């Protein structure tokens, strides 16, 4: 069973990011968060969508190969 709502610790583990970075992103509005009283929670679907929409396109590998003499 997939969890719908994640705690800050679970998001940090899921994204391999420090908790300080997560809270900074929340305060800057870079990551969607929901607050219920003093509890901060994140919808897993929204986190997944955020990651997909910020995907970096794969670069052409030939740009990174050394030039032949």
PDB file of N, CA and C in Angstrom:
ATOM      1  N   UNK A   1       0.834  -1.176   0.000  1.00  0.00           N
ATOM      2  CA  UNK A   1       0.000   0.000   0.000  1.00  0.00           C
ATOM      3  C   UNK A   1       0.883   1.245   0.000  1.00  0.00           C
ATOM      4  N   UNK A   2       0.663   2.128  -0.960  1.00  0.00           N
ATOM      5  CA  UNK A   2       1.427   3.366  -1.037  1.00  0.00           C
ATOM      6  C   UNK A   2       0.856   4.401  -0.089  1.00  0.00           C
ATOM      7  N   UNK A   3       1.744   5.128   0.574  1.00  0.00           N
ATOM      8  CA  UNK A   3       1.303   6.218   1.447  1.00  0.00           C
ATOM      9  C   UNK A   3       0.999   7.428   0.583  1.00  0.00           C
ATOM     10  N   UNK A   4      -0.080   8.106   0.876  1.00  0.00           N
ATOM     11  CA  UNK A   4      -0.437   9.315   0.155  1.00  0.00           C
ATOM     12  C   UNK A   4       0.273  10.518   0.746  1.00  0.00           C
ATOM     13  N   UNK A   5       0.331  10.592   2.063  1.00  0.00           N
ATOM     14  CA  UNK A   5       0.915  11.735   2.755  1.00  0.00           C
ATOM     15  C   UNK A   5       2.249  11.349   3.371  1.00  0.00           C
ATOM     16  N   UNK A   6       3.239  12.236   3.241  1.00  0.00           N
ATOM     17  CA  UNK A   6       4.576  11.989   3.773  1.00  0.00           C
ATOM     18  C   UNK A   6       4.932  13.042   4.816  1.00  0.00           C
ATOM     19  N   UNK A   7       5.699  12.638   5.800  1.00  0.00           N
ATOM     20  CA  UNK A   7       6.225  13.562   6.798  1.00  0.00           C
ATOM     21  C   UNK A   7       7.472  14.235   6.218  1.00  0.00           C
ATOM     22  N   UNK A   8       7.950  15.317   6.844  1.00  0.00           N
ATOM     23  CA  UNK A   8       9.196  15.929   6.375  1.00  0.00           C
ATOM     24  C   UNK A   8      10.368  14.937   6.355  1.00  0.00           C
ATOM     25  N   UNK A   9      10.480  14.101   7.375  1.00  0.00           N
ATOM     26  CA  UNK A   9      11.565  13.104   7.391  1.00  0.00           C
ATOM     27  C   UNK A   9      11.462  12.138   6.220  1.00  0.00           C
ATOM     28  N   UNK A  10      10.240  11.713   5.885  1.00  0.00           N
ATOM     29  CA  UNK A  10      10.050  10.789   4.766  1.00  0.00           C
ATOM     30  C   UNK A  10      10.388  11.454   3.433  1.00  0.00           C
ATOM     31  N   UNK A  11      10.030  12.725   3.277  1.00  0.00           N
ATOM     32  CA  UNK A  11      10.361  13.442   2.044  1.00  0.00           C
ATOM     33  C   UNK A  11      11.873  13.588   1.915  1.00  0.00           C
ATOM     34  N   UNK A  12      12.529  13.920   3.005  1.00  0.00           N
ATOM     35  CA  UNK A  12      13.984  14.058   2.979  1.00  0.00           C
ATOM     36  C   UNK A  12      14.660  12.744   2.590  1.00  0.00           C
ATOM     37  N   UNK A  13      14.181  11.648   3.123  1.00  0.00           N
ATOM     38  CA  UNK A  13      14.735  10.339   2.766  1.00  0.00           C
ATOM     39  C   UNK A  13      14.423  10.010   1.309  1.00  0.00           C
ATOM     40  N   UNK A  14      13.212  10.286   0.873  1.00  0.00           N
ATOM     41  CA  UNK A  14      12.770   9.991  -0.493  1.00  0.00           C
ATOM     42  C   UNK A  14      13.585  10.765  -1.522  1.00  0.00           C
ATOM     43  N   UNK A  15      13.883  12.040  -1.229  1.00  0.00           N
ATOM     44  CA  UNK A  15      14.617  12.897  -2.168  1.00  0.00           C
ATOM     45  C   UNK A  15      16.106  12.995  -1.849  1.00  0.00           C
ATOM     46  N   UNK A  16      16.546  12.340  -0.787  1.00  0.00           N
ATOM     47  CA  UNK A  16      17.949  12.376  -0.352  1.00  0.00           C
ATOM     48  C   UNK A  16      18.427  13.818  -0.199  1.00  0.00           C
ATOM     49  N   UNK A  17      17.674  14.586   0.590  1.00  0.00           N
ATOM     50  CA  UNK A  17      18.030  15.985   0.811  1.00  0.00           C
ATOM     51  C   UNK A  17      18.030  16.289   2.303  1.00  0.00           C
ATOM     52  N   UNK A  18      18.856  17.256   2.713  1.00  0.00           N
ATOM     53  CA  UNK A  18      18.856  17.649   4.119  1.00  0.00           C
ATOM     54  C   UNK A  18      17.539  18.315   4.517  1.00  0.00           C
ATOM     55  N   UNK A  19      17.174  18.158   5.774  1.00  0.00           N
ATOM     56  CA  UNK A  19      15.927  18.735   6.256  1.00  0.00           C
ATOM     57  C   UNK A  19      15.932  20.258   6.149  1.00  0.00           C
ATOM     58  N   UNK A  20      17.091  20.880   6.345  1.00  0.00           N
ATOM     59  CA  UNK A  20      17.186  22.338   6.228  1.00  0.00           C
ATOM     60  C   UNK A  20      16.831  22.789   4.811  1.00  0.00           C
ATOM     61  N   UNK A  21      17.259  22.046   3.810  1.00  0.00           N
ATOM     62  CA  UNK A  21      16.937  22.372   2.414  1.00  0.00           C
ATOM     63  C   UNK A  21      15.444  22.240   2.176  1.00  0.00           C
ATOM     64  N   UNK A  22      14.835  21.190   2.696  1.00  0.00           N
ATOM     65  CA  UNK A  22      13.399  20.993   2.540  1.00  0.00           C
ATOM     66  C   UNK A  22      12.630  22.177   3.121  1.00  0.00           C
ATOM     67  N   UNK A  23      12.969  22.585   4.334  1.00  0.00           N
ATOM     68  CA  UNK A  23      12.263  23.700   4.960  1.00  0.00           C
ATOM     69  C   UNK A  23      12.500  25.013   4.213  1.00  0.00           C
ATOM     70  N   UNK A  24      13.692  25.189   3.671  1.00  0.00           N
ATOM     71  CA  UNK A  24      13.962  26.387   2.859  1.00  0.00           C
ATOM     72  C   UNK A  24      13.086  26.379   1.618  1.00  0.00           C
ATOM     73  N   UNK A  25      13.003  25.244   0.951  1.00  0.00           N
ATOM     74  CA  UNK A  25      12.168  25.136  -0.259  1.00  0.00           C
ATOM     75  C   UNK A  25      10.706  25.387   0.066  1.00  0.00           C
ATOM     76  N   UNK A  26      10.242  24.891   1.209  1.00  0.00           N
ATOM     77  CA  UNK A  26       8.851  25.125   1.623  1.00  0.00           C
ATOM     78  C   UNK A  26       8.625  26.622   1.813  1.00  0.00           C
ATOM     79  N   UNK A  27       9.535  27.283   2.514  1.00  0.00           N
ATOM     80  CA  UNK A  27       9.355  28.715   2.791  1.00  0.00           C
ATOM     81  C   UNK A  27       9.431  29.557   1.529  1.00  0.00           C
ATOM     82  N   UNK A  28      10.165  29.088   0.511  1.00  0.00           N
ATOM     83  CA  UNK A  28      10.271  29.801  -0.764  1.00  0.00           C
ATOM     84  C   UNK A  28       9.174  29.400  -1.759  1.00  0.00           C
ATOM     85  N   UNK A  29       8.358  28.419  -1.385  1.00  0.00           N
ATOM     86  CA  UNK A  29       7.289  27.954  -2.266  1.00  0.00           C
ATOM     87  C   UNK A  29       7.783  27.082  -3.408  1.00  0.00           C
ATOM     88  N   UNK A  30       8.977  26.508  -3.273  1.00  0.00           N
ATOM     89  CA  UNK A  30       9.543  25.660  -4.325  1.00  0.00           C
ATOM     90  C   UNK A  30       9.022  24.227  -4.287  1.00  0.00           C
ATOM     91  N   UNK A  31       8.423  23.849  -3.167  1.00  0.00           N
ATOM     92  CA  UNK A  31       7.922  22.488  -3.018  1.00  0.00           C
ATOM     93  C   UNK A  31       6.545  22.573  -2.350  1.00  0.00           C
ATOM     94  N   UNK A  32       5.560  21.847  -2.879  1.00  0.00           N
ATOM     95  CA  UNK A  32       4.212  21.934  -2.304  1.00  0.00           C
ATOM     96  C   UNK A  32       4.139  21.262  -0.931  1.00  0.00           C
ATOM     97  N   UNK A  33       3.541  21.963   0.012  1.00  0.00           N
ATOM     98  CA  UNK A  33       3.390  21.434   1.366  1.00  0.00           C
ATOM     99  C   UNK A  33       2.014  21.806   1.899  1.00  0.00           C
ATOM    100  N   UNK A  34       1.553  21.040   2.859  1.00  0.00           N
ATOM    101  CA  UNK A  34       0.250  21.260   3.487  1.00  0.00           C
ATOM    102  C   UNK A  34       0.468  21.316   4.988  1.00  0.00           C
ATOM    103  N   UNK A  35      -0.170  22.270   5.642  1.00  0.00           N
ATOM    104  CA  UNK A  35      -0.010  22.428   7.079  1.00  0.00           C
ATOM    105  C   UNK A  35      -1.349  22.225   7.772  1.00  0.00           C
ATOM    106  N   UNK A  36      -1.336  21.383   8.777  1.00  0.00           N
ATOM    107  CA  UNK A  36      -2.505  21.129   9.596  1.00  0.00           C
ATOM    108  C   UNK A  36      -2.090  21.408  11.036  1.00  0.00           C
ATOM    109  N   UNK A  37      -2.462  22.574  11.523  1.00  0.00           N
ATOM    110  CA  UNK A  37      -1.967  22.986  12.830  1.00  0.00           C
ATOM    111  C   UNK A  37      -0.470  23.195  12.743  1.00  0.00           C
ATOM    112  N   UNK A  38       0.258  22.456  13.550  1.00  0.00           N
ATOM    113  CA  UNK A  38       1.718  22.551  13.527  1.00  0.00           C
ATOM    114  C   UNK A  38       2.355  21.473  12.669  1.00  0.00           C
ATOM    115  N   UNK A  39       1.540  20.585  12.097  1.00  0.00           N
ATOM    116  CA  UNK A  39       2.061  19.476  11.298  1.00  0.00           C
ATOM    117  C   UNK A  39       2.248  19.890   9.852  1.00  0.00           C
ATOM    118  N   UNK A  40       3.382  19.542   9.295  1.00  0.00           N
ATOM    119  CA  UNK A  40       3.674  19.790   7.890  1.00  0.00           C
ATOM    120  C   UNK A  40       3.655  18.439   7.176  1.00  0.00           C
ATOM    121  N   UNK A  41       2.883  18.349   6.114  1.00  0.00           N
ATOM    122  CA  UNK A  41       2.782  17.101   5.362  1.00  0.00           C
ATOM    123  C   UNK A  41       2.888  17.380   3.870  1.00  0.00           C
ATOM    124  N   UNK A  42       3.268  16.355   3.123  1.00  0.00           N
ATOM    125  CA  UNK A  42       3.484  16.460   1.687  1.00  0.00           C
ATOM    126  C   UNK A  42       2.744  15.335   0.985  1.00  0.00           C
ATOM    127  N   UNK A  43       2.065  15.653  -0.122  1.00  0.00           N
ATOM    128  CA  UNK A  43       1.411  14.612  -0.920  1.00  0.00           C
ATOM    129  C   UNK A  43       2.460  13.986  -1.833  1.00  0.00           C
ATOM    130  N   UNK A  44       2.582  12.675  -1.762  1.00  0.00           N
ATOM    131  CA  UNK A  44       3.594  11.982  -2.561  1.00  0.00           C
ATOM    132  C   UNK A  44       3.399  12.255  -4.043  1.00  0.00           C
ATOM    133  N   UNK A  45       2.154  12.283  -4.507  1.00  0.00           N
ATOM    134  CA  UNK A  45       1.889  12.549  -5.924  1.00  0.00           C
ATOM    135  C   UNK A  45       2.407  13.918  -6.341  1.00  0.00           C
ATOM    136  N   UNK A  46       2.273  14.921  -5.471  1.00  0.00           N
ATOM    137  CA  UNK A  46       2.755  16.266  -5.785  1.00  0.00           C
ATOM    138  C   UNK A  46       4.281  16.313  -5.824  1.00  0.00           C
ATOM    139  N   UNK A  47       4.927  15.558  -4.947  1.00  0.00           N
ATOM    140  CA  UNK A  47       6.395  15.490  -4.945  1.00  0.00           C
ATOM    141  C   UNK A  47       6.874  14.812  -6.224  1.00  0.00           C
ATOM    142  N   UNK A  48       6.221  13.710  -6.597  1.00  0.00           N
ATOM    143  CA  UNK A  48       6.595  13.006  -7.834  1.00  0.00           C
ATOM    144  C   UNK A  48       6.398  13.905  -9.052  1.00  0.00           C
ATOM    145  N   UNK A  49       5.291  14.632  -9.089  1.00  0.00           N
ATOM    146  CA  UNK A  49       5.014  15.539 -10.205  1.00  0.00           C
ATOM    147  C   UNK A  49       6.067  16.652 -10.276  1.00  0.00           C
ATOM    148  N   UNK A  50       6.435  17.191  -9.124  1.00  0.00           N
ATOM    149  CA  UNK A  50       7.464  18.225  -9.074  1.00  0.00           C
ATOM    150  C   UNK A  50       8.777  17.711  -9.668  1.00  0.00           C
ATOM    151  N   UNK A  51       9.152  16.504  -9.312  1.00  0.00           N
ATOM    152  CA  UNK A  51      10.390  15.926  -9.827  1.00  0.00           C
ATOM    153  C   UNK A  51      10.316  15.707 -11.339  1.00  0.00           C
ATOM    154  N   UNK A  52       9.180  15.255 -11.833  1.00  0.00           N
ATOM    155  CA  UNK A  52       9.032  15.038 -13.278  1.00  0.00           C
ATOM    156  C   UNK A  52       9.047  16.345 -14.065  1.00  0.00           C
ATOM    157  N   UNK A  53       8.420  17.391 -13.538  1.00  0.00           N
ATOM    158  CA  UNK A  53       8.360  18.658 -14.268  1.00  0.00           C
ATOM    159  C   UNK A  53       9.686  19.403 -14.217  1.00  0.00           C
ATOM    160  N   UNK A  54      10.573  19.021 -13.299  1.00  0.00           N
ATOM    161  CA  UNK A  54      11.888  19.658 -13.204  1.00  0.00           C
ATOM    162  C   UNK A  54      13.001  18.763 -13.732  1.00  0.00           C
ATOM    163  N   UNK A  55      12.626  17.813 -14.542  1.00  0.00           N
ATOM    164  CA  UNK A  55      13.587  16.876 -15.106  1.00  0.00           C
ATOM    165  C   UNK A  55      14.539  17.597 -16.055  1.00  0.00           C
ATOM    166  N   UNK A  56      15.808  17.291 -15.939  1.00  0.00           N
ATOM    167  CA  UNK A  56      16.827  17.876 -16.805  1.00  0.00           C
ATOM    168  C   UNK A  56      16.980  16.970 -18.022  1.00  0.00           C
ATOM    169  N   UNK A  57      16.871  17.555 -19.235  1.00  0.00           N
ATOM    170  CA  UNK A  57      17.008  16.707 -20.422  1.00  0.00           C
ATOM    171  C   UNK A  57      18.414  16.118 -20.520  1.00  0.00           C
ATOM    172  N   UNK A  58      18.468  14.938 -21.070  1.00  0.00           N
ATOM    173  CA  UNK A  58      19.747  14.252 -21.224  1.00  0.00           C
ATOM    174  C   UNK A  58      20.578  14.971 -22.286  1.00  0.00           C
ATOM    175  N   UNK A  59      21.789  15.281 -21.956  1.00  0.00           N
ATOM    176  CA  UNK A  59      22.671  15.976 -22.891  1.00  0.00           C
ATOM    177  C   UNK A  59      23.232  14.992 -23.910  1.00  0.00           C
ATOM    178  N   UNK A  60      23.555  15.518 -25.052  1.00  0.00           N
ATOM    179  CA  UNK A  60      24.191  14.700 -26.084  1.00  0.00           C
ATOM    180  C   UNK A  60      25.572  14.309 -25.575  1.00  0.00           C
ATOM    181  N   UNK A  61      25.845  13.031 -25.494  1.00  0.00           N
ATOM    182  CA  UNK A  61      27.102  12.540 -24.919  1.00  0.00           C
ATOM    183  C   UNK A  61      28.308  13.006 -25.720  1.00  0.00           C
ATOM    184  N   UNK A  62      28.145  13.247 -27.012  1.00  0.00           N
ATOM    185  CA  UNK A  62      29.291  13.654 -27.829  1.00  0.00           C
ATOM    186  C   UNK A  62      29.842  15.002 -27.390  1.00  0.00           C
ATOM    187  N   UNK A  63      29.027  15.823 -26.746  1.00  0.00           N
ATOM    188  CA  UNK A  63      29.502  17.121 -26.252  1.00  0.00           C
ATOM    189  C   UNK A  63      30.527  16.958 -25.138  1.00  0.00           C
ATOM    190  N   UNK A  64      30.525  15.805 -24.480  1.00  0.00           N
ATOM    191  CA  UNK A  64      31.386  15.599 -23.324  1.00  0.00           C
ATOM    192  C   UNK A  64      32.579  14.699 -23.611  1.00  0.00           C
ATOM    193  N   UNK A  65      32.708  14.224 -24.838  1.00  0.00           N
ATOM    194  CA  UNK A  65      33.837  13.368 -25.204  1.00  0.00           C
ATOM    195  C   UNK A  65      35.048  14.232 -25.537  1.00  0.00           C
ATOM    196  N   UNK A  66      36.231  13.765 -25.200  1.00  0.00           N
ATOM    197  CA  UNK A  66      37.434  14.547 -25.539  1.00  0.00           C
ATOM    198  C   UNK A  66      37.641  14.602 -27.051  1.00  0.00           C
ATOM    199  N   UNK A  67      38.199  15.698 -27.497  1.00  0.00           N
ATOM    200  CA  UNK A  67      38.477  15.860 -28.925  1.00  0.00           C
ATOM    201  C   UNK A  67      39.642  14.968 -29.330  1.00  0.00           C
ATOM    202  N   UNK A  68      39.542  14.376 -30.509  1.00  0.00           N
ATOM    203  CA  UNK A  68      40.629  13.529 -30.987  1.00  0.00           C
ATOM    204  C   UNK A  68      41.646  14.400 -31.698  1.00  0.00           C
ATOM    205  N   UNK A  69      42.935  14.031 -31.546  1.00  0.00           N
ATOM    206  CA  UNK A  69      44.014  14.777 -32.215  1.00  0.00           C
ATOM    207  C   UNK A  69      44.276  14.265 -33.588  1.00  0.00           C
TER     208      UNK A  69
END
